[in-house]
Amino acid sequence: MREAAAVNPIRAAGGVVHRPVNGGTEVCLVHRPRYDDWSLPKGKLDPGEHPLLAAVREVAEEADVRAVPQIRLPTVRYVSQGRPKRVDFWSMRAGGSGGFQPHVEVDQLRWLPVAQASELVSYPHDAQVLRAFAALPAVTVEVTVARHASAYRRGTWTGPDTARALDDDGRRQAAALAPLLALCGPRRLLSAAALRCVQTLAPLAASLDLPIEVDSDFAEPRPGQDAGDRVGAATARLIELALDGQPVTVCSQGKVLPPALDRLAAVGAPVGAAGDHRTPKGTGWLLAFAGDRLVGADRLIPPPD
């Protein structure tokens, strides 16, 4: 047991939190009195916690900033207290703030241009992450998308396919996925008409007190319909939503969502997607757009029960 503990890495997560200032960009650094260092806000994962949720939580706890994640940045690995440590980072748009107050873990906070922040940070790996952030395109909107969760099997379902509901596993998946989909702060929830898609967004809708809008552009092709046309409609709709500039969450289906992401990636420069957009049921993506271009795609896979 002791040997396994020495091998398993310490997991942590954080963010490069940025805000626009006078035509430029400032990023957030924190000073930790325990170490007398300047670093990017970050912290350890709670047991079973998704690293992206941990990153947003730690930014809120250390810097008192409600941050919206955008694009995954390089993962940092080093040895801490004799154990390997892995820190996952995301670029994050600064949302609201309650007003920073010094506390035990962080006694100072500074907003600086990236070049100055790179000089102030105490560790080379933080400077590396800042350089990667500086190379990113400016994100104009964040969108989360999901494939519906597990539903009753077609072969055992006696009603219309569009009325096929989530099964017990699917309801658990939908509940676990909702906090990840909520991270972009969606102002609208759009779903294909199939009941399993609407039900997948139901926990998110309840937590945000938002209605679920049925959008036929995200539906799978019916018998006789051209599959390419349906994928084209979904792709065009995602671009339209991105150009609208408001964060949204979309739930679609397996014959539509992955190929639509393939098409978006073909004309963009997605970060970290590796060209593979297969999306298992009950999982999703955090998408970042620069205008009509997809510039970031990060998988959203809830932790296992």
Protein backbone atom coordinates (compact mmCIF):
# COMPACT_ATOMS: atom_id res chain seq x y z
CA MET A 1 0.00 0.00 0.00
CA ARG A 2 2.85 2.41 0.84
CA GLU A 3 4.56 1.62 -2.45
CA ALA A 4 1.38 2.42 -4.42
CA ALA A 5 1.02 5.75 -2.62
CA ALA A 6 4.57 6.67 -3.66
CA VAL A 7 3.80 5.92 -7.33
CA ASN A 8 0.42 7.60 -7.65
CA PRO A 9 0.88 11.28 -8.49
CA ILE A 10 -0.53 14.11 -6.46
CA ARG A 11 -3.25 15.65 -8.61
CA ALA A 12 -3.84 19.38 -8.72
CA ALA A 13 -5.42 21.89 -11.09
CA GLY A 14 -5.52 25.61 -11.70
CA GLY A 15 -5.82 28.34 -14.26
CA VAL A 16 -4.38 31.29 -16.10
CA VAL A 17 -7.19 33.69 -15.26
CA HIS A 18 -7.28 36.70 -17.57
CA ARG A 19 -9.22 39.92 -17.99
CA PRO A 20 -9.16 42.74 -20.59
CA VAL A 21 -7.62 46.03 -19.47
CA ASN A 22 -7.14 49.12 -21.68
CA GLY A 23 -6.92 47.14 -24.88
CA GLY A 24 -4.58 44.57 -23.37
CA THR A 25 -4.77 41.51 -21.15
CA GLU A 26 -3.87 40.98 -17.52
CA VAL A 27 -3.47 37.65 -15.74
CA CYS A 28 -3.85 36.79 -12.09
CA LEU A 29 -1.01 35.70 -9.78
CA VAL A 30 -1.24 34.82 -6.10
CA HIS A 31 1.33 35.02 -3.29
CA ARG A 32 1.40 32.14 -0.82
CA PRO A 33 2.97 33.13 2.51
CA ARG A 34 3.69 29.51 3.43
CA TYR A 35 6.14 29.23 0.52
CA ASP A 36 6.80 32.96 -0.03
CA ASP A 37 6.21 32.43 -3.75
CA TRP A 38 4.23 33.94 -6.61
CA SER A 39 2.32 31.40 -8.67
CA LEU A 40 -0.72 30.73 -10.76
CA PRO A 41 -3.79 29.93 -8.63
CA LYS A 42 -4.07 26.18 -8.25
CA GLY A 43 -4.70 23.47 -5.67
CA LYS A 44 -5.18 19.76 -5.01
CA LEU A 45 -8.18 17.80 -6.23
CA ASP A 46 -10.67 16.58 -3.68
CA PRO A 47 -11.23 12.78 -3.77
CA GLY A 48 -13.17 11.89 -6.92
CA GLU A 49 -13.21 15.48 -8.15
CA HIS A 50 -12.91 16.27 -11.86
CA PRO A 51 -9.75 18.34 -12.49
CA LEU A 52 -11.66 21.05 -14.36
CA LEU A 53 -14.10 21.47 -11.47
CA ALA A 54 -11.13 21.56 -9.10
CA ALA A 55 -9.40 24.22 -11.21
CA VAL A 56 -12.44 26.51 -11.12
CA ARG A 57 -12.95 25.87 -7.39
CA GLU A 58 -9.32 26.60 -6.53
CA VAL A 59 -9.34 29.85 -8.49
CA ALA A 60 -12.43 30.90 -6.56
CA GLU A 61 -10.91 29.92 -3.21
CA GLU A 62 -7.48 31.44 -3.75
CA ALA A 63 -8.29 34.54 -5.82
CA ASP A 64 -12.03 35.03 -5.18
CA VAL A 65 -12.68 35.04 -8.93
CA ARG A 66 -15.54 33.23 -10.62
CA ALA A 67 -13.71 31.98 -13.69
CA VAL A 68 -14.98 30.45 -16.94
CA PRO A 69 -12.61 27.82 -18.39
CA GLN A 70 -11.76 28.04 -22.07
CA ILE A 71 -8.77 26.06 -23.41
CA ARG A 72 -6.61 23.39 -21.81
CA LEU A 73 -3.01 24.50 -21.30
CA PRO A 74 0.12 22.31 -20.90
CA THR A 75 0.08 19.94 -17.96
CA VAL A 76 2.92 20.48 -15.50
CA ARG A 77 4.72 17.59 -13.80
CA TYR A 78 7.29 17.79 -11.03
CA VAL A 79 8.21 16.19 -7.71
CA SER A 80 6.65 17.56 -4.53
CA GLN A 81 7.51 16.23 -1.07
CA GLY A 82 9.08 13.16 -2.65
CA ARG A 83 6.03 12.32 -4.81
CA PRO A 84 5.33 13.00 -8.47
CA LYS A 85 2.82 15.80 -8.93
CA ARG A 86 0.62 16.58 -11.92
CA VAL A 87 -1.07 19.98 -12.33
CA ASP A 88 -3.64 20.51 -15.10
CA PHE A 89 -4.16 24.08 -16.25
CA TRP A 90 -6.79 25.88 -18.32
CA SER A 91 -7.04 29.39 -19.65
CA MET A 92 -9.95 31.06 -17.86
CA ARG A 93 -11.97 34.18 -18.48
CA ALA A 94 -12.46 36.17 -15.30
CA GLY A 95 -16.11 36.57 -14.39
CA GLY A 96 -17.40 38.16 -11.24
CA SER A 97 -15.37 38.65 -8.08
CA GLY A 98 -16.41 39.16 -4.51
CA GLY A 99 -13.35 41.30 -3.81
CA PHE A 100 -10.14 39.60 -2.74
CA GLN A 101 -9.38 39.49 0.99
CA PRO A 102 -6.04 38.15 2.26
CA HIS A 103 -6.28 34.76 3.96
CA VAL A 104 -4.09 32.02 5.34
CA GLU A 105 -3.24 30.41 2.00
CA VAL A 106 -2.98 33.56 -0.13
CA ASP A 107 -2.09 36.96 1.30
CA GLN A 108 -1.58 38.93 -1.93
CA LEU A 109 -3.07 38.98 -5.42
CA ARG A 110 -1.77 40.83 -8.46
CA TRP A 111 -3.12 41.40 -11.97
CA LEU A 112 -0.27 41.88 -14.45
CA PRO A 113 0.43 41.84 -18.19
CA VAL A 114 1.62 38.41 -19.28
CA ALA A 115 5.24 39.50 -19.76
CA GLN A 116 5.47 40.93 -16.25
CA ALA A 117 3.70 37.93 -14.76
CA SER A 118 6.19 35.62 -16.47
CA GLU A 119 9.03 37.49 -14.79
CA LEU A 120 7.40 37.50 -11.36
CA VAL A 121 6.38 33.83 -11.04
CA SER A 122 8.70 31.82 -8.83
CA TYR A 123 8.76 28.62 -10.91
CA PRO A 124 9.84 27.97 -14.52
CA HIS A 125 6.86 25.68 -15.10
CA ASP A 126 4.44 28.54 -14.37
CA ALA A 127 6.32 30.71 -16.87
CA GLN A 128 5.98 27.88 -19.41
CA VAL A 129 2.21 27.79 -18.90
CA LEU A 130 2.02 31.57 -19.29
CA ARG A 131 3.94 31.39 -22.57
CA ALA A 132 1.47 28.81 -23.87
CA PHE A 133 -1.41 31.07 -22.84
CA ALA A 134 0.14 34.05 -24.63
CA ALA A 135 0.20 32.04 -27.88
CA LEU A 136 -3.54 31.31 -27.83
CA PRO A 137 -6.04 33.13 -30.05
CA ALA A 138 -8.52 35.40 -28.28
CA VAL A 139 -11.60 33.37 -27.35
CA THR A 140 -14.93 35.08 -28.03
CA VAL A 141 -17.31 32.51 -26.54
CA GLU A 142 -17.41 29.16 -24.73
CA VAL A 143 -19.90 26.41 -25.62
CA THR A 144 -20.46 23.07 -23.93
CA VAL A 145 -21.94 20.18 -25.91
CA ALA A 146 -23.01 16.71 -24.83
CA ARG A 147 -24.14 13.43 -26.29
CA HIS A 148 -27.22 12.13 -24.55
CA ALA A 149 -26.73 9.71 -21.67
CA SER A 150 -27.55 6.00 -21.61
CA ALA A 151 -31.13 5.21 -22.65
CA TYR A 152 -33.31 2.13 -22.91
CA ARG A 153 -32.25 -0.06 -25.82
CA ARG A 154 -33.94 0.35 -29.17
CA GLY A 155 -34.70 -3.36 -29.36
CA THR A 156 -36.62 -3.40 -26.08
CA TRP A 157 -38.39 -0.07 -26.48
CA THR A 158 -41.96 -0.41 -27.75
CA GLY A 159 -42.81 3.25 -28.33
CA PRO A 160 -41.49 5.81 -30.82
CA ASP A 161 -37.72 6.14 -30.82
CA THR A 162 -37.96 9.86 -30.06
CA ALA A 163 -39.73 8.93 -26.80
CA ARG A 164 -37.00 6.52 -25.68
CA ALA A 165 -36.07 7.61 -22.16
CA LEU A 166 -32.90 7.53 -20.09
CA ASP A 167 -32.34 4.39 -18.05
CA ASP A 168 -31.02 4.35 -14.47
CA ASP A 169 -27.40 4.61 -15.64
CA GLY A 170 -28.34 7.46 -17.92
CA ARG A 171 -29.96 9.44 -15.15
CA ARG A 172 -26.81 9.04 -13.05
CA GLN A 173 -24.68 10.10 -16.01
CA ALA A 174 -26.81 13.19 -16.63
CA ALA A 175 -26.53 14.25 -12.99
CA ALA A 176 -22.74 13.78 -13.03
CA LEU A 177 -22.32 15.64 -16.32
CA ALA A 178 -24.40 18.69 -15.33
CA PRO A 179 -21.70 20.44 -13.20
CA LEU A 180 -19.21 20.17 -16.07
CA LEU A 181 -21.65 21.53 -18.63
CA ALA A 182 -22.44 24.41 -16.29
CA LEU A 183 -18.86 25.68 -16.20
CA CYS A 184 -19.24 27.87 -19.28
CA GLY A 185 -22.14 29.70 -17.60
CA PRO A 186 -24.69 28.89 -20.31
CA ARG A 187 -27.48 31.34 -20.90
CA ARG A 188 -29.40 28.97 -23.15
CA LEU A 189 -29.88 25.19 -23.20
CA LEU A 190 -30.60 23.64 -26.61
CA SER A 191 -31.50 20.02 -27.27
CA ALA A 192 -32.49 17.69 -30.05
CA ALA A 193 -36.15 16.73 -29.73
CA ALA A 194 -35.47 13.14 -28.65
CA LEU A 195 -36.59 12.67 -25.04
CA ARG A 196 -33.23 11.14 -24.05
CA CYS A 197 -31.50 14.37 -25.12
CA VAL A 198 -33.93 16.61 -23.24
CA GLN A 199 -33.64 14.42 -20.14
CA THR A 200 -29.84 14.61 -20.28
CA LEU A 201 -30.04 18.38 -19.85
CA ALA A 202 -32.75 18.23 -17.18
CA PRO A 203 -30.39 18.27 -14.14
CA LEU A 204 -28.51 21.22 -15.63
CA ALA A 205 -31.75 23.06 -16.38
CA ALA A 206 -32.93 22.54 -12.80
CA SER A 207 -29.66 23.80 -11.31
CA LEU A 208 -29.58 26.93 -13.52
CA ASP A 209 -33.35 27.52 -13.62
CA LEU A 210 -33.27 27.68 -17.42
CA PRO A 211 -35.73 26.23 -19.95
CA ILE A 212 -34.64 23.58 -22.45
CA GLU A 213 -35.21 24.71 -26.03
CA VAL A 214 -35.81 22.00 -28.63
CA ASP A 215 -33.73 22.63 -31.75
CA SER A 216 -34.28 20.36 -34.76
CA ASP A 217 -30.85 21.19 -36.19
CA PHE A 218 -29.29 18.83 -33.63
CA ALA A 219 -31.47 15.79 -34.42
CA GLU A 220 -30.23 12.60 -36.05
CA PRO A 221 -31.36 11.91 -39.63
CA ARG A 222 -34.71 10.22 -40.02
CA PRO A 223 -35.06 7.30 -42.46
CA GLY A 224 -34.54 8.66 -45.95
CA GLN A 225 -32.79 11.83 -44.81
CA ASP A 226 -29.23 12.50 -45.92
CA ALA A 227 -26.86 12.10 -42.95
CA GLY A 228 -24.45 14.66 -44.37
CA ASP A 229 -27.20 17.25 -44.55
CA ARG A 230 -28.07 16.69 -40.89
CA VAL A 231 -24.42 17.03 -39.86
CA GLY A 232 -24.16 20.17 -41.96
CA ALA A 233 -27.19 21.67 -40.25
CA ALA A 234 -25.76 20.97 -36.79
CA THR A 235 -22.37 22.41 -37.77
CA ALA A 236 -23.93 25.58 -39.17
CA ARG A 237 -26.08 25.97 -36.07
CA LEU A 238 -23.07 25.67 -33.75
CA ILE A 239 -21.28 28.37 -35.75
CA GLU A 240 -24.38 30.56 -35.59
CA LEU A 241 -24.54 30.14 -31.83
CA ALA A 242 -20.83 30.92 -31.50
CA LEU A 243 -21.20 34.11 -33.52
CA ASP A 244 -24.06 35.15 -31.26
CA GLY A 245 -21.45 35.40 -28.52
CA GLN A 246 -23.49 33.99 -25.63
CA PRO A 247 -22.37 30.82 -23.80
CA VAL A 248 -24.74 27.94 -24.52
CA THR A 249 -25.04 24.22 -23.84
CA VAL A 250 -26.22 21.80 -26.53
CA CYS A 251 -27.26 18.15 -26.32
CA SER A 252 -27.28 16.08 -29.49
CA GLN A 253 -26.90 12.51 -30.72
CA GLY A 254 -24.18 10.10 -31.77
CA LYS A 255 -24.70 10.35 -35.53
CA VAL A 256 -24.53 14.15 -35.44
CA LEU A 257 -22.22 15.46 -32.74
CA PRO A 258 -18.85 13.77 -33.54
CA PRO A 259 -18.96 14.46 -37.29
CA ALA A 260 -20.08 18.04 -36.67
CA LEU A 261 -17.03 18.53 -34.44
CA ASP A 262 -14.86 16.96 -37.16
CA ARG A 263 -16.12 19.58 -39.60
CA LEU A 264 -15.54 22.43 -37.19
CA ALA A 265 -12.02 21.19 -36.42
CA ALA A 266 -11.18 20.94 -40.11
CA VAL A 267 -11.40 24.72 -40.50
CA GLY A 268 -10.20 25.69 -37.01
CA ALA A 269 -7.18 24.86 -34.93
CA PRO A 270 -8.54 22.92 -31.95
CA VAL A 271 -6.23 22.50 -28.99
CA GLY A 272 -5.94 19.05 -27.45
CA ALA A 273 -8.64 17.30 -29.49
CA ALA A 274 -6.17 15.15 -31.49
CA GLY A 275 -8.68 14.83 -34.32
CA ASP A 276 -10.73 12.23 -32.43
CA HIS A 277 -14.21 13.46 -31.61
CA ARG A 278 -15.86 10.18 -30.70
CA THR A 279 -18.19 11.03 -27.84
CA PRO A 280 -19.44 8.21 -25.58
CA LYS A 281 -22.93 8.56 -24.18
CA GLY A 282 -23.11 10.81 -21.14
CA THR A 283 -19.94 12.74 -22.02
CA GLY A 284 -19.32 16.05 -23.73
CA TRP A 285 -16.92 18.77 -24.78
CA LEU A 286 -15.87 22.25 -23.71
CA LEU A 287 -15.53 24.20 -26.95
CA ALA A 288 -13.84 27.57 -27.35
CA PHE A 289 -14.52 29.74 -30.40
CA ALA A 290 -12.74 32.73 -31.87
CA GLY A 291 -15.54 34.16 -33.98
CA ASP A 292 -16.68 31.30 -36.20
CA ARG A 293 -13.52 29.20 -35.68
CA LEU A 294 -13.24 26.37 -33.21
CA VAL A 295 -9.93 27.00 -31.41
CA GLY A 296 -10.24 24.69 -28.41
CA ALA A 297 -11.90 21.37 -27.69
CA ASP A 298 -11.54 19.63 -24.34
CA ARG A 299 -13.32 16.42 -23.38
CA LEU A 300 -15.77 16.46 -20.48
CA ILE A 301 -15.91 12.99 -18.93
CA PRO A 302 -17.46 12.77 -15.46
CA PRO A 303 -15.46 10.77 -12.91
CA PRO A 304 -16.70 7.22 -12.31
CA ASP A 305 -19.03 6.64 -9.38
